[in-house]
């Protein structure tokens, strides 16, 4: 297994952790306040970019 290091800002980590917990346990709720969240989008882009870089 290969590990990838991804740098995320504290705000991105907090938003990502909160969103994951809510999505896991509140699947009957709308994805607010994360729908359209710039912090969640930034974290997602960094994660995807890191996966792409490691795959090349």
Protein backbone atom coordinates (compact mmCIF):
# COMPACT_ATOMS: atom_id res chain seq x y z
CA UNK A 1 0.00 0.00 0.00
CA UNK A 2 1.32 3.41 -0.96
CA UNK A 3 0.53 6.43 1.20
CA UNK A 4 -0.01 9.89 -0.26
CA UNK A 5 0.59 13.04 1.74
CA UNK A 6 -1.92 15.81 1.12
CA UNK A 7 -1.58 19.24 2.67
CA UNK A 8 -4.89 20.75 3.73
CA UNK A 9 -5.58 23.92 5.67
CA UNK A 10 -7.07 23.47 9.13
CA UNK A 11 -10.37 24.96 7.94
CA UNK A 12 -10.48 22.47 5.05
CA UNK A 13 -9.81 19.57 7.42
CA UNK A 14 -12.50 20.70 9.85
CA UNK A 15 -15.02 21.13 7.04
CA UNK A 16 -14.14 17.79 5.47
CA UNK A 17 -14.35 15.93 8.78
CA UNK A 18 -17.68 17.53 9.66
CA UNK A 19 -19.13 16.82 6.21
CA UNK A 20 -18.04 13.18 6.30
CA UNK A 21 -19.64 12.61 9.69
CA UNK A 22 -22.88 14.30 8.63
CA UNK A 23 -23.03 12.41 5.34
CA UNK A 24 -22.39 9.13 7.17
CA UNK A 25 -25.01 9.54 9.89
CA UNK A 26 -27.56 11.95 8.42
CA UNK A 27 -28.20 10.47 4.99
CA UNK A 28 -31.84 11.62 5.05
CA UNK A 29 -30.82 15.28 5.35
CA UNK A 30 -29.89 17.68 2.57
CA UNK A 31 -26.11 18.22 2.25
CA UNK A 32 -26.32 21.75 3.65
CA UNK A 33 -24.18 23.66 4.63
CA UNK A 34 -21.69 21.76 2.46
CA UNK A 35 -23.45 22.06 -0.88
CA UNK A 36 -21.44 24.77 -2.62
CA UNK A 37 -18.95 25.09 0.26
CA UNK A 38 -15.70 26.67 -0.96
CA UNK A 39 -13.75 24.96 1.84
CA UNK A 40 -15.09 21.53 0.95
CA UNK A 41 -14.48 22.19 -2.75
CA UNK A 42 -10.88 23.26 -2.07
CA UNK A 43 -10.22 20.16 0.04
CA UNK A 44 -11.78 17.95 -2.63
CA UNK A 45 -9.66 19.50 -5.37
CA UNK A 46 -6.47 19.01 -3.37
CA UNK A 47 -7.34 15.37 -2.74
CA UNK A 48 -8.17 14.72 -6.40
CA UNK A 49 -5.04 16.55 -7.58
CA UNK A 50 -2.90 14.46 -5.22
CA UNK A 51 -4.45 11.24 -6.51
CA UNK A 52 -3.80 12.32 -10.11
CA UNK A 53 -0.18 13.24 -9.35
CA UNK A 54 0.45 9.89 -7.68
CA UNK A 55 -1.16 8.03 -10.57
CA UNK A 56 1.03 9.60 -13.24
